Amino acid sequence: MLLCLEENGLDCHSSYDLEREKERERAIAEEYALIRFHQRISLEVLFNAILRVQPGKIIKLYDLEPMNQDIQYTKN
């Protein structure tokens, strides 16, 4: 299995096109497993996602601990 890791920070998408991004995700997921994560995600959460990801799947991780909220873990 090939794995693609993509870090998404606060200001990384100044010209974000939602439809183009969905198509890009679908194309990546055809050949890879994809984990997208926030720049402040904890290494523990990222490592756990790496251990659980499956081919053709997309996992999005956002660590909201600095805002005193739970971690969101979404699978597409």
Protein backbone atom coordinates (compact mmCIF):
# COMPACT_ATOMS: atom_id res chain seq x y z
CA MET A 1 0.00 0.00 0.00
CA LEU A 2 1.19 3.49 -0.80
CA LEU A 3 0.34 6.25 1.64
CA CYS A 4 -0.01 9.96 0.93
CA LEU A 5 0.24 12.39 3.86
CA GLU A 6 -1.03 15.94 3.36
CA GLU A 7 -0.63 18.65 5.98
CA ASN A 8 -3.35 21.31 5.86
CA GLY A 9 -2.61 24.41 7.90
CA LEU A 10 -4.68 27.46 8.62
CA ASP A 11 -3.69 29.50 5.56
CA CYS A 12 -2.79 26.79 3.07
CA HIS A 13 -5.81 27.17 0.77
CA SER A 14 -6.03 30.82 -0.23
CA SER A 15 -7.69 29.90 -3.54
CA TYR A 16 -9.63 26.79 -2.50
CA ASP A 17 -11.96 25.22 -5.09
CA LEU A 18 -14.15 22.62 -3.34
CA GLU A 19 -15.15 20.74 -6.50
CA ARG A 20 -11.57 20.54 -7.76
CA GLU A 21 -10.42 19.36 -4.33
CA LYS A 22 -13.02 16.57 -4.26
CA GLU A 23 -11.87 15.40 -7.69
CA ARG A 24 -8.25 15.54 -6.55
CA GLU A 25 -9.07 13.44 -3.45
CA ARG A 26 -10.87 10.85 -5.59
CA ALA A 27 -7.90 10.60 -7.96
CA ILE A 28 -5.45 10.16 -5.07
CA ALA A 29 -7.66 7.57 -3.35
CA GLU A 30 -7.73 5.44 -6.52
CA GLU A 31 -4.07 4.51 -6.03
CA TYR A 32 -3.17 5.53 -2.48
CA ALA A 33 -4.42 5.80 1.05
CA LEU A 34 -4.64 9.48 1.99
CA ILE A 35 -4.34 11.11 5.40
CA ARG A 36 -5.00 14.84 5.55
CA PHE A 37 -4.13 16.49 8.83
CA HIS A 38 -3.96 19.88 10.50
CA GLN A 39 -0.51 21.34 11.11
CA ARG A 40 -1.02 21.18 14.87
CA ILE A 41 -2.16 17.55 15.09
CA SER A 42 -0.43 15.47 17.73
CA LEU A 43 2.00 12.83 16.55
CA GLU A 44 0.10 10.18 18.51
CA VAL A 45 -3.12 10.86 16.57
CA LEU A 46 -1.23 10.91 13.27
CA PHE A 47 0.61 7.65 14.00
CA ASN A 48 -2.65 5.94 15.01
CA ALA A 49 -4.23 7.01 11.71
CA ILE A 50 -1.22 5.68 9.76
CA LEU A 51 -1.65 2.31 11.49
CA ARG A 52 -5.40 2.18 10.68
CA VAL A 53 -5.61 3.58 7.16
CA GLN A 54 -6.64 1.25 4.34
CA PRO A 55 -5.99 1.44 0.60
CA GLY A 56 -8.46 3.67 -1.22
CA LYS A 57 -9.52 5.48 1.96
CA ILE A 58 -9.20 9.10 3.04
CA ILE A 59 -8.79 10.03 6.69
CA LYS A 60 -9.03 13.66 7.83
CA LEU A 61 -7.57 14.59 11.20
CA TYR A 62 -8.03 17.85 13.01
CA ASP A 63 -6.66 18.34 16.51
CA LEU A 64 -8.86 20.85 18.30
CA GLU A 65 -7.20 20.45 21.70
CA PRO A 66 -5.89 24.06 21.72
CA MET A 67 -9.53 25.15 21.65
CA ASN A 68 -10.46 22.76 24.52
CA GLN A 69 -12.49 20.53 22.22
CA ASP A 70 -12.30 16.84 21.36
CA ILE A 71 -10.32 15.56 18.41
CA GLN A 72 -12.37 15.10 15.29
CA TYR A 73 -11.63 11.98 13.28
CA THR A 74 -13.51 11.61 10.03
CA LYS A 75 -13.30 8.91 7.39
CA ASN A 76 -14.49 9.38 3.83
